[in-house]
Amino acid sequence: MRWGIRQLVLAVVFSGMAQAQSVSEKLNDYPTAARADYVFACMVTNGQTREMLDRCACSIDEIAAILPYEQYLEAETVLSMRRVGGERMAFFQSAAMAENLVADLRRAQAEAEIVCF
């Protein structure tokens, strides 16, 4: 009987650890290079000081807490394609899906700005 209880306790503990890992993975699904790219671009725009490093790092952390990386990447792709221009890229200018992706990113950026700057 005691062995059954131990197994049950271990199963609950390991289940909790697995859930914690999946939550942690969801909150940290941005690759380091993507975070670094964001911070470098942010610092170029806002100043290359230690304070800006902290603020820009805070900003990408806030965005990552709001948007899954896949959604962030899609929105960044839409913005990149909009800069290209041309007839073939017109879809990225007006498609509702593209607009929604960019709007979600803009909201996350606004929230990050409030929290970090």
PDB file of N, CA and C in Angstrom:
ATOM      1  N   MET A   1       0.817  -1.191   0.000  1.00  0.00           N
ATOM      2  CA  MET A   1       0.000   0.000   0.000  1.00  0.00           C
ATOM      3  C   MET A   1       0.865   1.260   0.000  1.00  0.00           C
ATOM      4  N   ARG A   2       1.925   1.292   0.803  1.00  0.00           N
ATOM      5  CA  ARG A   2       2.789   2.474   0.847  1.00  0.00           C
ATOM      6  C   ARG A   2       3.441   2.703  -0.509  1.00  0.00           C
ATOM      7  N   TRP A   3       3.794   1.613  -1.169  1.00  0.00           N
ATOM      8  CA  TRP A   3       4.423   1.746  -2.485  1.00  0.00           C
ATOM      9  C   TRP A   3       3.459   2.400  -3.479  1.00  0.00           C
ATOM     10  N   GLY A   4       2.204   2.084  -3.391  1.00  0.00           N
ATOM     11  CA  GLY A   4       1.203   2.681  -4.255  1.00  0.00           C
ATOM     12  C   GLY A   4       1.076   4.177  -4.011  1.00  0.00           C
ATOM     13  N   ILE A   5       1.162   4.582  -2.767  1.00  0.00           N
ATOM     14  CA  ILE A   5       1.073   5.995  -2.422  1.00  0.00           C
ATOM     15  C   ILE A   5       2.302   6.732  -2.948  1.00  0.00           C
ATOM     16  N   ARG A   6       3.475   6.115  -2.804  1.00  0.00           N
ATOM     17  CA  ARG A   6       4.705   6.728  -3.310  1.00  0.00           C
ATOM     18  C   ARG A   6       4.628   6.911  -4.824  1.00  0.00           C
ATOM     19  N   GLN A   7       4.130   5.898  -5.490  1.00  0.00           N
ATOM     20  CA  GLN A   7       4.011   6.000  -6.945  1.00  0.00           C
ATOM     21  C   GLN A   7       3.050   7.121  -7.322  1.00  0.00           C
ATOM     22  N   LEU A   8       1.959   7.220  -6.578  1.00  0.00           N
ATOM     23  CA  LEU A   8       0.988   8.266  -6.848  1.00  0.00           C
ATOM     24  C   LEU A   8       1.613   9.647  -6.621  1.00  0.00           C
ATOM     25  N   VAL A   9       2.335   9.802  -5.520  1.00  0.00           N
ATOM     26  CA  VAL A   9       2.982  11.077  -5.219  1.00  0.00           C
ATOM     27  C   VAL A   9       4.000  11.417  -6.307  1.00  0.00           C
ATOM     28  N   LEU A  10       4.806  10.433  -6.710  1.00  0.00           N
ATOM     29  CA  LEU A  10       5.788  10.679  -7.762  1.00  0.00           C
ATOM     30  C   LEU A  10       5.118  11.052  -9.075  1.00  0.00           C
ATOM     31  N   ALA A  11       4.022  10.377  -9.383  1.00  0.00           N
ATOM     32  CA  ALA A  11       3.298  10.689 -10.613  1.00  0.00           C
ATOM     33  C   ALA A  11       2.773  12.120 -10.578  1.00  0.00           C
ATOM     34  N   VAL A  12       2.251  12.549  -9.447  1.00  0.00           N
ATOM     35  CA  VAL A  12       1.737  13.914  -9.316  1.00  0.00           C
ATOM     36  C   VAL A  12       2.887  14.923  -9.431  1.00  0.00           C
ATOM     37  N   VAL A  13       4.002  14.633  -8.757  1.00  0.00           N
ATOM     38  CA  VAL A  13       5.159  15.533  -8.801  1.00  0.00           C
ATOM     39  C   VAL A  13       5.684  15.655 -10.221  1.00  0.00           C
ATOM     40  N   PHE A  14       5.877  14.522 -10.907  1.00  0.00           N
ATOM     41  CA  PHE A  14       6.392  14.558 -12.272  1.00  0.00           C
ATOM     42  C   PHE A  14       5.398  15.218 -13.223  1.00  0.00           C
ATOM     43  N   SER A  15       4.129  15.017 -12.995  1.00  0.00           N
ATOM     44  CA  SER A  15       3.114  15.668 -13.814  1.00  0.00           C
ATOM     45  C   SER A  15       3.190  17.177 -13.633  1.00  0.00           C
ATOM     46  N   GLY A  16       3.341  17.618 -12.408  1.00  0.00           N
ATOM     47  CA  GLY A  16       3.481  19.051 -12.129  1.00  0.00           C
ATOM     48  C   GLY A  16       4.733  19.626 -12.758  1.00  0.00           C
ATOM     49  N   MET A  17       5.828  18.867 -12.728  1.00  0.00           N
ATOM     50  CA  MET A  17       7.069  19.321 -13.348  1.00  0.00           C
ATOM     51  C   MET A  17       6.895  19.432 -14.857  1.00  0.00           C
ATOM     52  N   ALA A  18       6.215  18.477 -15.465  1.00  0.00           N
ATOM     53  CA  ALA A  18       5.991  18.507 -16.908  1.00  0.00           C
ATOM     54  C   ALA A  18       5.140  19.712 -17.290  1.00  0.00           C
ATOM     55  N   GLN A  19       4.123  20.008 -16.489  1.00  0.00           N
ATOM     56  CA  GLN A  19       3.289  21.169 -16.774  1.00  0.00           C
ATOM     57  C   GLN A  19       4.095  22.456 -16.597  1.00  0.00           C
ATOM     58  N   ALA A  20       4.935  22.514 -15.576  1.00  0.00           N
ATOM     59  CA  ALA A  20       5.757  23.698 -15.352  1.00  0.00           C
ATOM     60  C   ALA A  20       6.714  23.896 -16.518  1.00  0.00           C
ATOM     61  N   GLN A  21       7.289  22.805 -17.033  1.00  0.00           N
ATOM     62  CA  GLN A  21       8.183  22.926 -18.179  1.00  0.00           C
ATOM     63  C   GLN A  21       7.427  23.417 -19.401  1.00  0.00           C
ATOM     64  N   SER A  22       6.232  22.909 -19.634  1.00  0.00           N
ATOM     65  CA  SER A  22       5.506  23.346 -20.812  1.00  0.00           C
ATOM     66  C   SER A  22       5.094  24.810 -20.674  1.00  0.00           C
ATOM     67  N   VAL A  23       4.741  25.273 -19.486  1.00  0.00           N
ATOM     68  CA  VAL A  23       4.425  26.677 -19.272  1.00  0.00           C
ATOM     69  C   VAL A  23       5.685  27.506 -19.482  1.00  0.00           C
ATOM     70  N   SER A  24       6.796  27.052 -18.932  1.00  0.00           N
ATOM     71  CA  SER A  24       8.066  27.751 -19.096  1.00  0.00           C
ATOM     72  C   SER A  24       8.453  27.828 -20.569  1.00  0.00           C
ATOM     73  N   GLU A  25       8.292  26.738 -21.277  1.00  0.00           N
ATOM     74  CA  GLU A  25       8.612  26.729 -22.703  1.00  0.00           C
ATOM     75  C   GLU A  25       7.716  27.693 -23.470  1.00  0.00           C
ATOM     76  N   LYS A  26       6.437  27.744 -23.108  1.00  0.00           N
ATOM     77  CA  LYS A  26       5.518  28.658 -23.783  1.00  0.00           C
ATOM     78  C   LYS A  26       5.904  30.109 -23.524  1.00  0.00           C
ATOM     79  N   LEU A  27       6.363  30.413 -22.320  1.00  0.00           N
ATOM     80  CA  LEU A  27       6.736  31.777 -21.988  1.00  0.00           C
ATOM     81  C   LEU A  27       8.109  32.151 -22.541  1.00  0.00           C
ATOM     82  N   ASN A  28       8.892  31.162 -22.924  1.00  0.00           N
ATOM     83  CA  ASN A  28      10.241  31.422 -23.419  1.00  0.00           C
ATOM     84  C   ASN A  28      10.438  30.757 -24.772  1.00  0.00           C
ATOM     85  N   ASP A  29       9.495  30.979 -25.694  1.00  0.00           N
ATOM     86  CA  ASP A  29       9.605  30.324 -26.988  1.00  0.00           C
ATOM     87  C   ASP A  29      10.316  31.191 -28.023  1.00  0.00           C
ATOM     88  N   TYR A  30      10.782  32.371 -27.628  1.00  0.00           N
ATOM     89  CA  TYR A  30      11.528  33.234 -28.534  1.00  0.00           C
ATOM     90  C   TYR A  30      12.994  32.797 -28.532  1.00  0.00           C
ATOM     91  N   PRO A  31      13.561  32.535 -29.705  1.00  0.00           N
ATOM     92  CA  PRO A  31      14.987  32.189 -29.750  1.00  0.00           C
ATOM     93  C   PRO A  31      15.844  33.369 -29.277  1.00  0.00           C
ATOM     94  N   THR A  32      16.978  33.068 -28.727  1.00  0.00           N
ATOM     95  CA  THR A  32      17.877  34.098 -28.233  1.00  0.00           C
ATOM     96  C   THR A  32      18.233  35.091 -29.334  1.00  0.00           C
ATOM     97  N   ALA A  33      18.487  34.600 -30.537  1.00  0.00           N
ATOM     98  CA  ALA A  33      18.858  35.491 -31.641  1.00  0.00           C
ATOM     99  C   ALA A  33      17.733  36.473 -31.958  1.00  0.00           C
ATOM    100  N   ALA A  34      16.484  36.039 -31.882  1.00  0.00           N
ATOM    101  CA  ALA A  34      15.352  36.936 -32.144  1.00  0.00           C
ATOM    102  C   ALA A  34      15.269  38.009 -31.061  1.00  0.00           C
ATOM    103  N   ARG A  35      15.491  37.613 -29.820  1.00  0.00           N
ATOM    104  CA  ARG A  35      15.483  38.588 -28.727  1.00  0.00           C
ATOM    105  C   ARG A  35      16.632  39.586 -28.905  1.00  0.00           C
ATOM    106  N   ALA A  36      17.805  39.079 -29.261  1.00  0.00           N
ATOM    107  CA  ALA A  36      18.967  39.948 -29.449  1.00  0.00           C
ATOM    108  C   ALA A  36      18.739  40.913 -30.611  1.00  0.00           C
ATOM    109  N   ASP A  37      18.182  40.433 -31.718  1.00  0.00           N
ATOM    110  CA  ASP A  37      17.883  41.314 -32.855  1.00  0.00           C
ATOM    111  C   ASP A  37      16.966  42.452 -32.431  1.00  0.00           C
ATOM    112  N   TYR A  38      15.941  42.118 -31.664  1.00  0.00           N
ATOM    113  CA  TYR A  38      15.001  43.133 -31.193  1.00  0.00           C
ATOM    114  C   TYR A  38      15.719  44.156 -30.319  1.00  0.00           C
ATOM    115  N   VAL A  39      16.539  43.680 -29.398  1.00  0.00           N
ATOM    116  CA  VAL A  39      17.237  44.576 -28.475  1.00  0.00           C
ATOM    117  C   VAL A  39      18.212  45.473 -29.239  1.00  0.00           C
ATOM    118  N   PHE A  40      18.953  44.912 -30.197  1.00  0.00           N
ATOM    119  CA  PHE A  40      19.882  45.731 -30.982  1.00  0.00           C
ATOM    120  C   PHE A  40      19.139  46.826 -31.743  1.00  0.00           C
ATOM    121  N   ALA A  41      18.040  46.466 -32.407  1.00  0.00           N
ATOM    122  CA  ALA A  41      17.259  47.448 -33.161  1.00  0.00           C
ATOM    123  C   ALA A  41      16.667  48.502 -32.230  1.00  0.00           C
ATOM    124  N   CYS A  42      16.189  48.081 -31.096  1.00  0.00           N
ATOM    125  CA  CYS A  42      15.617  49.004 -30.110  1.00  0.00           C
ATOM    126  C   CYS A  42      16.680  49.987 -29.625  1.00  0.00           C
ATOM    127  N   MET A  43      17.887  49.487 -29.375  1.00  0.00           N
ATOM    128  CA  MET A  43      18.957  50.354 -28.890  1.00  0.00           C
ATOM    129  C   MET A  43      19.429  51.321 -29.969  1.00  0.00           C
ATOM    130  N   VAL A  44      19.416  50.907 -31.230  1.00  0.00           N
ATOM    131  CA  VAL A  44      19.782  51.817 -32.313  1.00  0.00           C
ATOM    132  C   VAL A  44      18.794  52.973 -32.356  1.00  0.00           C
ATOM    133  N   THR A  45      17.529  52.670 -32.127  1.00  0.00           N
ATOM    134  CA  THR A  45      16.477  53.680 -32.176  1.00  0.00           C
ATOM    135  C   THR A  45      16.486  54.590 -30.944  1.00  0.00           C
ATOM    136  N   ASN A  46      16.751  54.015 -29.776  1.00  0.00           N
ATOM    137  CA  ASN A  46      16.569  54.740 -28.514  1.00  0.00           C
ATOM    138  C   ASN A  46      17.858  55.171 -27.815  1.00  0.00           C
ATOM    139  N   GLY A  47      18.975  54.742 -28.286  1.00  0.00           N
ATOM    140  CA  GLY A  47      20.243  55.102 -27.649  1.00  0.00           C
ATOM    141  C   GLY A  47      20.971  53.870 -27.156  1.00  0.00           C
ATOM    142  N   GLN A  48      22.269  53.926 -27.249  1.00  0.00           N
ATOM    143  CA  GLN A  48      23.080  52.755 -26.914  1.00  0.00           C
ATOM    144  C   GLN A  48      23.713  52.931 -25.533  1.00  0.00           C
ATOM    145  N   THR A  49      22.844  52.916 -24.539  1.00  0.00           N
ATOM    146  CA  THR A  49      23.296  53.043 -23.156  1.00  0.00           C
ATOM    147  C   THR A  49      22.887  51.796 -22.384  1.00  0.00           C
ATOM    148  N   ARG A  50      23.449  51.653 -21.229  1.00  0.00           N
ATOM    149  CA  ARG A  50      23.095  50.522 -20.362  1.00  0.00           C
ATOM    150  C   ARG A  50      21.613  50.591 -19.983  1.00  0.00           C
ATOM    151  N   GLU A  51      21.122  51.783 -19.740  1.00  0.00           N
ATOM    152  CA  GLU A  51      19.709  51.940 -19.393  1.00  0.00           C
ATOM    153  C   GLU A  51      18.816  51.456 -20.545  1.00  0.00           C
ATOM    154  N   MET A  52      19.185  51.809 -21.764  1.00  0.00           N
ATOM    155  CA  MET A  52      18.384  51.377 -22.919  1.00  0.00           C
ATOM    156  C   MET A  52      18.483  49.868 -23.126  1.00  0.00           C
ATOM    157  N   LEU A  53      19.637  49.296 -22.831  1.00  0.00           N
ATOM    158  CA  LEU A  53      19.770  47.836 -22.909  1.00  0.00           C
ATOM    159  C   LEU A  53      18.741  47.187 -21.995  1.00  0.00           C
ATOM    160  N   ASP A  54      18.653  47.683 -20.774  1.00  0.00           N
ATOM    161  CA  ASP A  54      17.688  47.126 -19.819  1.00  0.00           C
ATOM    162  C   ASP A  54      16.251  47.345 -20.283  1.00  0.00           C
ATOM    163  N   ARG A  55      15.958  48.540 -20.765  1.00  0.00           N
ATOM    164  CA  ARG A  55      14.603  48.847 -21.202  1.00  0.00           C
ATOM    165  C   ARG A  55      14.208  48.036 -22.440  1.00  0.00           C
ATOM    166  N   CYS A  56      15.125  47.913 -23.377  1.00  0.00           N
ATOM    167  CA  CYS A  56      14.836  47.157 -24.602  1.00  0.00           C
ATOM    168  C   CYS A  56      14.685  45.663 -24.299  1.00  0.00           C
ATOM    169  N   ALA A  57      15.507  45.148 -23.398  1.00  0.00           N
ATOM    170  CA  ALA A  57      15.368  43.747 -22.992  1.00  0.00           C
ATOM    171  C   ALA A  57      14.037  43.526 -22.294  1.00  0.00           C
ATOM    172  N   CYS A  58      13.652  44.469 -21.459  1.00  0.00           N
ATOM    173  CA  CYS A  58      12.345  44.406 -20.798  1.00  0.00           C
ATOM    174  C   CYS A  58      11.240  44.397 -21.845  1.00  0.00           C
ATOM    175  N   SER A  59      11.385  45.215 -22.861  1.00  0.00           N
ATOM    176  CA  SER A  59      10.374  45.345 -23.899  1.00  0.00           C
ATOM    177  C   SER A  59      10.139  44.019 -24.628  1.00  0.00           C
ATOM    178  N   ILE A  60      11.199  43.363 -25.054  1.00  0.00           N
ATOM    179  CA  ILE A  60      11.014  42.089 -25.777  1.00  0.00           C
ATOM    180  C   ILE A  60      10.489  41.022 -24.830  1.00  0.00           C
ATOM    181  N   ASP A  61      10.863  41.080 -23.568  1.00  0.00           N
ATOM    182  CA  ASP A  61      10.310  40.126 -22.603  1.00  0.00           C
ATOM    183  C   ASP A  61       8.802  40.316 -22.447  1.00  0.00           C
ATOM    184  N   GLU A  62       8.364  41.562 -22.417  1.00  0.00           N
ATOM    185  CA  GLU A  62       6.925  41.842 -22.320  1.00  0.00           C
ATOM    186  C   GLU A  62       6.191  41.379 -23.575  1.00  0.00           C
ATOM    187  N   ILE A  63       6.764  41.658 -24.723  1.00  0.00           N
ATOM    188  CA  ILE A  63       6.148  41.211 -25.977  1.00  0.00           C
ATOM    189  C   ILE A  63       6.056  39.695 -26.002  1.00  0.00           C
ATOM    190  N   ALA A  64       7.121  39.029 -25.571  1.00  0.00           N
ATOM    191  CA  ALA A  64       7.140  37.560 -25.557  1.00  0.00           C
ATOM    192  C   ALA A  64       6.103  36.993 -24.591  1.00  0.00           C
ATOM    193  N   ALA A  65       5.796  37.734 -23.542  1.00  0.00           N
ATOM    194  CA  ALA A  65       4.781  37.276 -22.595  1.00  0.00           C
ATOM    195  C   ALA A  65       3.376  37.418 -23.178  1.00  0.00           C
ATOM    196  N   ILE A  66       3.229  38.304 -24.156  1.00  0.00           N
ATOM    197  CA  ILE A  66       1.916  38.557 -24.746  1.00  0.00           C
ATOM    198  C   ILE A  66       1.687  37.733 -26.009  1.00  0.00           C
ATOM    199  N   LEU A  67       2.689  37.685 -26.880  1.00  0.00           N
ATOM    200  CA  LEU A  67       2.545  37.010 -28.174  1.00  0.00           C
ATOM    201  C   LEU A  67       3.418  35.769 -28.250  1.00  0.00           C
ATOM    202  N   PRO A  68       2.878  34.657 -28.716  1.00  0.00           N
ATOM    203  CA  PRO A  68       3.736  33.501 -28.996  1.00  0.00           C
ATOM    204  C   PRO A  68       4.714  33.868 -30.116  1.00  0.00           C
ATOM    205  N   TYR A  69       5.866  33.240 -30.125  1.00  0.00           N
ATOM    206  CA  TYR A  69       6.895  33.580 -31.100  1.00  0.00           C
ATOM    207  C   TYR A  69       6.400  33.436 -32.539  1.00  0.00           C
ATOM    208  N   GLU A  70       5.635  32.415 -32.806  1.00  0.00           N
ATOM    209  CA  GLU A  70       5.140  32.206 -34.170  1.00  0.00           C
ATOM    210  C   GLU A  70       4.313  33.411 -34.640  1.00  0.00           C
ATOM    211  N   GLN A  71       3.476  33.930 -33.778  1.00  0.00           N
ATOM    212  CA  GLN A  71       2.655  35.085 -34.125  1.00  0.00           C
ATOM    213  C   GLN A  71       3.527  36.335 -34.295  1.00  0.00           C
ATOM    214  N   TYR A  72       4.527  36.493 -33.438  1.00  0.00           N
ATOM    215  CA  TYR A  72       5.473  37.607 -33.555  1.00  0.00           C
ATOM    216  C   TYR A  72       6.196  37.538 -34.899  1.00  0.00           C
ATOM    217  N   LEU A  73       6.657  36.350 -35.254  1.00  0.00           N
ATOM    218  CA  LEU A  73       7.384  36.146 -36.504  1.00  0.00           C
ATOM    219  C   LEU A  73       6.498  36.449 -37.715  1.00  0.00           C
ATOM    220  N   GLU A  74       5.254  36.019 -37.659  1.00  0.00           N
ATOM    221  CA  GLU A  74       4.327  36.294 -38.755  1.00  0.00           C
ATOM    222  C   GLU A  74       4.105  37.795 -38.909  1.00  0.00           C
ATOM    223  N   ALA A  75       3.911  38.500 -37.808  1.00  0.00           N
ATOM    224  CA  ALA A  75       3.693  39.948 -37.865  1.00  0.00           C
ATOM    225  C   ALA A  75       4.939  40.664 -38.386  1.00  0.00           C
ATOM    226  N   GLU A  76       6.107  40.251 -37.933  1.00  0.00           N
ATOM    227  CA  GLU A  76       7.349  40.844 -38.417  1.00  0.00           C
ATOM    228  C   GLU A  76       7.525  40.578 -39.910  1.00  0.00           C
ATOM    229  N   THR A  77       7.117  39.413 -40.370  1.00  0.00           N
ATOM    230  CA  THR A  77       7.192  39.084 -41.794  1.00  0.00           C
ATOM    231  C   THR A  77       6.280  39.992 -42.602  1.00  0.00           C
ATOM    232  N   VAL A  78       5.059  40.205 -42.114  1.00  0.00           N
ATOM    233  CA  VAL A  78       4.129  41.109 -42.798  1.00  0.00           C
ATOM    234  C   VAL A  78       4.738  42.504 -42.880  1.00  0.00           C
ATOM    235  N   LEU A  79       5.281  43.006 -41.783  1.00  0.00           N
ATOM    236  CA  LEU A  79       5.889  44.335 -41.792  1.00  0.00           C
ATOM    237  C   LEU A  79       7.062  44.408 -42.760  1.00  0.00           C
ATOM    238  N   SER A  80       7.846  43.361 -42.808  1.00  0.00           N
ATOM    239  CA  SER A  80       8.978  43.307 -43.731  1.00  0.00           C
ATOM    240  C   SER A  80       8.503  43.315 -45.182  1.00  0.00           C
ATOM    241  N   MET A  81       7.469  42.551 -45.459  1.00  0.00           N
ATOM    242  CA  MET A  81       6.937  42.486 -46.817  1.00  0.00           C
ATOM    243  C   MET A  81       6.304  43.816 -47.220  1.00  0.00           C
ATOM    244  N   ARG A  82       5.750  44.532 -46.305  1.00  0.00           N
ATOM    245  CA  ARG A  82       5.176  45.847 -46.608  1.00  0.00           C
ATOM    246  C   ARG A  82       6.250  46.834 -47.035  1.00  0.00           C
ATOM    247  N   ARG A  83       7.440  46.695 -46.484  1.00  0.00           N
ATOM    248  CA  ARG A  83       8.532  47.597 -46.846  1.00  0.00           C
ATOM    249  C   ARG A  83       9.030  47.340 -48.258  1.00  0.00           C
ATOM    250  N   VAL A  84       8.848  46.113 -48.750  1.00  0.00           N
ATOM    251  CA  VAL A  84       9.308  45.763 -50.091  1.00  0.00           C
ATOM    252  C   VAL A  84       8.508  46.521 -51.141  1.00  0.00           C
ATOM    253  N   GLY A  85       7.216  46.581 -50.946  1.00  0.00           N
ATOM    254  CA  GLY A  85       6.352  47.297 -51.876  1.00  0.00           C
ATOM    255  C   GLY A  85       6.106  46.514 -53.156  1.00  0.00           C
ATOM    256  N   GLY A  86       5.458  47.147 -54.094  1.00  0.00           N
ATOM    257  CA  GLY A  86       5.175  46.514 -55.370  1.00  0.00           C
ATOM    258  C   GLY A  86       3.808  45.856 -55.389  1.00  0.00           C
ATOM    259  N   GLU A  87       3.391  45.522 -56.602  1.00  0.00           N
ATOM    260  CA  GLU A  87       2.065  44.945 -56.802  1.00  0.00           C
ATOM    261  C   GLU A  87       1.890  43.601 -56.104  1.00  0.00           C
ATOM    262  N   ARG A  88       2.921  42.783 -56.120  1.00  0.00           N
ATOM    263  CA  ARG A  88       2.825  41.456 -55.502  1.00  0.00           C
ATOM    264  C   ARG A  88       2.670  41.538 -53.985  1.00  0.00           C
ATOM    265  N   MET A  89       3.134  42.605 -53.406  1.00  0.00           N
ATOM    266  CA  MET A  89       3.086  42.753 -51.954  1.00  0.00           C
ATOM    267  C   MET A  89       1.830  43.471 -51.483  1.00  0.00           C
ATOM    268  N   ALA A  90       0.960  43.830 -52.384  1.00  0.00           N
ATOM    269  CA  ALA A  90      -0.266  44.552 -52.016  1.00  0.00           C
ATOM    270  C   ALA A  90      -1.109  43.763 -51.028  1.00  0.00           C
ATOM    271  N   PHE A  91      -1.064  42.446 -51.120  1.00  0.00           N
ATOM    272  CA  PHE A  91      -1.800  41.597 -50.185  1.00  0.00           C
ATOM    273  C   PHE A  91      -1.444  41.928 -48.743  1.00  0.00           C
ATOM    274  N   PHE A  92      -0.163  42.171 -48.486  1.00  0.00           N
ATOM    275  CA  PHE A  92       0.298  42.428 -47.122  1.00  0.00           C
ATOM    276  C   PHE A  92      -0.118  43.814 -46.632  1.00  0.00           C
ATOM    277  N   GLN A  93      -0.532  44.677 -47.555  1.00  0.00           N
ATOM    278  CA  GLN A  93      -0.966  46.015 -47.175  1.00  0.00           C
ATOM    279  C   GLN A  93      -2.397  46.038 -46.661  1.00  0.00           C
ATOM    280  N   SER A  94      -3.247  45.151 -47.220  1.00  0.00           N
ATOM    281  CA  SER A  94      -4.674  45.314 -46.938  1.00  0.00           C
ATOM    282  C   SER A  94      -5.399  44.062 -46.441  1.00  0.00           C
ATOM    283  N   ALA A  95      -4.797  42.912 -46.499  1.00  0.00           N
ATOM    284  CA  ALA A  95      -5.486  41.686 -46.084  1.00  0.00           C
ATOM    285  C   ALA A  95      -5.837  41.748 -44.594  1.00  0.00           C
ATOM    286  N   ALA A  96      -7.033  41.331 -44.271  1.00  0.00           N
ATOM    287  CA  ALA A  96      -7.499  41.384 -42.880  1.00  0.00           C
ATOM    288  C   ALA A  96      -6.595  40.569 -41.961  1.00  0.00           C
ATOM    289  N   MET A  97      -6.177  39.403 -42.405  1.00  0.00           N
ATOM    290  CA  MET A  97      -5.307  38.567 -41.581  1.00  0.00           C
ATOM    291  C   MET A  97      -3.994  39.293 -41.285  1.00  0.00           C
ATOM    292  N   ALA A  98      -3.427  39.912 -42.310  1.00  0.00           N
ATOM    293  CA  ALA A  98      -2.176  40.647 -42.130  1.00  0.00           C
ATOM    294  C   ALA A  98      -2.389  41.822 -41.180  1.00  0.00           C
ATOM    295  N   GLU A  99      -3.494  42.518 -41.351  1.00  0.00           N
ATOM    296  CA  GLU A  99      -3.809  43.652 -40.469  1.00  0.00           C
ATOM    297  C   GLU A  99      -3.937  43.205 -39.017  1.00  0.00           C
ATOM    298  N   ASN A 100      -4.598  42.079 -38.800  1.00  0.00           N
ATOM    299  CA  ASN A 100      -4.774  41.562 -37.436  1.00  0.00           C
ATOM    300  C   ASN A 100      -3.446  41.186 -36.804  1.00  0.00           C
ATOM    301  N   LEU A 101      -2.571  40.556 -37.580  1.00  0.00           N
ATOM    302  CA  LEU A 101      -1.258  40.176 -37.059  1.00  0.00           C
ATOM    303  C   LEU A 101      -0.476  41.410 -36.615  1.00  0.00           C
ATOM    304  N   VAL A 102      -0.460  42.413 -37.470  1.00  0.00           N
ATOM    305  CA  VAL A 102       0.282  43.635 -37.159  1.00  0.00           C
ATOM    306  C   VAL A 102      -0.364  44.365 -35.981  1.00  0.00           C
ATOM    307  N   ALA A 103      -1.686  44.396 -35.943  1.00  0.00           N
ATOM    308  CA  ALA A 103      -2.376  45.065 -34.829  1.00  0.00           C
ATOM    309  C   ALA A 103      -2.038  44.393 -33.499  1.00  0.00           C
ATOM    310  N   ASP A 104      -1.994  43.075 -33.483  1.00  0.00           N
ATOM    311  CA  ASP A 104      -1.638  42.355 -32.253  1.00  0.00           C
ATOM    312  C   ASP A 104      -0.214  42.692 -31.823  1.00  0.00           C
ATOM    313  N   LEU A 105       0.695  42.759 -32.780  1.00  0.00           N
ATOM    314  CA  LEU A 105       2.075  43.115 -32.462  1.00  0.00           C
ATOM    315  C   LEU A 105       2.149  44.553 -31.942  1.00  0.00           C
ATOM    316  N   ARG A 106       1.445  45.452 -32.569  1.00  0.00           N
ATOM    317  CA  ARG A 106       1.452  46.854 -32.140  1.00  0.00           C
ATOM    318  C   ARG A 106       0.894  46.999 -30.713  1.00  0.00           C
ATOM    319  N   ARG A 107      -0.149  46.238 -30.402  1.00  0.00           N
ATOM    320  CA  ARG A 107      -0.700  46.280 -29.038  1.00  0.00           C
ATOM    321  C   ARG A 107       0.325  45.755 -28.029  1.00  0.00           C
ATOM    322  N   ALA A 108       1.013  44.679 -28.385  1.00  0.00           N
ATOM    323  CA  ALA A 108       2.039  44.121 -27.487  1.00  0.00           C
ATOM    324  C   ALA A 108       3.181  45.127 -27.306  1.00  0.00           C
ATOM    325  N   GLN A 109       3.572  45.794 -28.392  1.00  0.00           N
ATOM    326  CA  GLN A 109       4.626  46.795 -28.299  1.00  0.00           C
ATOM    327  C   GLN A 109       4.198  47.982 -27.431  1.00  0.00           C
ATOM    328  N   ALA A 110       2.949  48.386 -27.562  1.00  0.00           N
ATOM    329  CA  ALA A 110       2.443  49.496 -26.752  1.00  0.00           C
ATOM    330  C   ALA A 110       2.448  49.120 -25.267  1.00  0.00           C
ATOM    331  N   GLU A 111       2.019  47.904 -24.979  1.00  0.00           N
ATOM    332  CA  GLU A 111       2.041  47.433 -23.586  1.00  0.00           C
ATOM    333  C   GLU A 111       3.470  47.394 -23.059  1.00  0.00           C
ATOM    334  N   ALA A 112       4.401  46.909 -23.879  1.00  0.00           N
ATOM    335  CA  ALA A 112       5.797  46.849 -23.476  1.00  0.00           C
ATOM    336  C   ALA A 112       6.351  48.253 -23.232  1.00  0.00           C
ATOM    337  N   GLU A 113       5.948  49.193 -24.051  1.00  0.00           N
ATOM    338  CA  GLU A 113       6.429  50.565 -23.880  1.00  0.00           C
ATOM    339  C   GLU A 113       5.929  51.148 -22.561  1.00  0.00           C
ATOM    340  N   ILE A 114       4.698  50.884 -22.224  1.00  0.00           N
ATOM    341  CA  ILE A 114       4.135  51.375 -20.958  1.00  0.00           C
ATOM    342  C   ILE A 114       4.898  50.787 -19.776  1.00  0.00           C
ATOM    343  N   VAL A 115       5.166  49.494 -19.844  1.00  0.00           N
ATOM    344  CA  VAL A 115       5.818  48.803 -18.727  1.00  0.00           C
ATOM    345  C   VAL A 115       7.303  49.157 -18.627  1.00  0.00           C
ATOM    346  N   CYS A 116       7.983  49.266 -19.772  1.00  0.00           N
ATOM    347  CA  CYS A 116       9.449  49.344 -19.763  1.00  0.00           C
ATOM    348  C   CYS A 116      10.029  50.737 -19.965  1.00  0.00           C
ATOM    349  N   PHE A 117       9.264  51.607 -20.570  1.00  0.00           N
ATOM    350  CA  PHE A 117       9.813  52.936 -20.869  1.00  0.00           C
ATOM    351  C   PHE A 117       9.066  53.983 -20.095  1.00  0.00           C
TER     352      PHE A 117
END
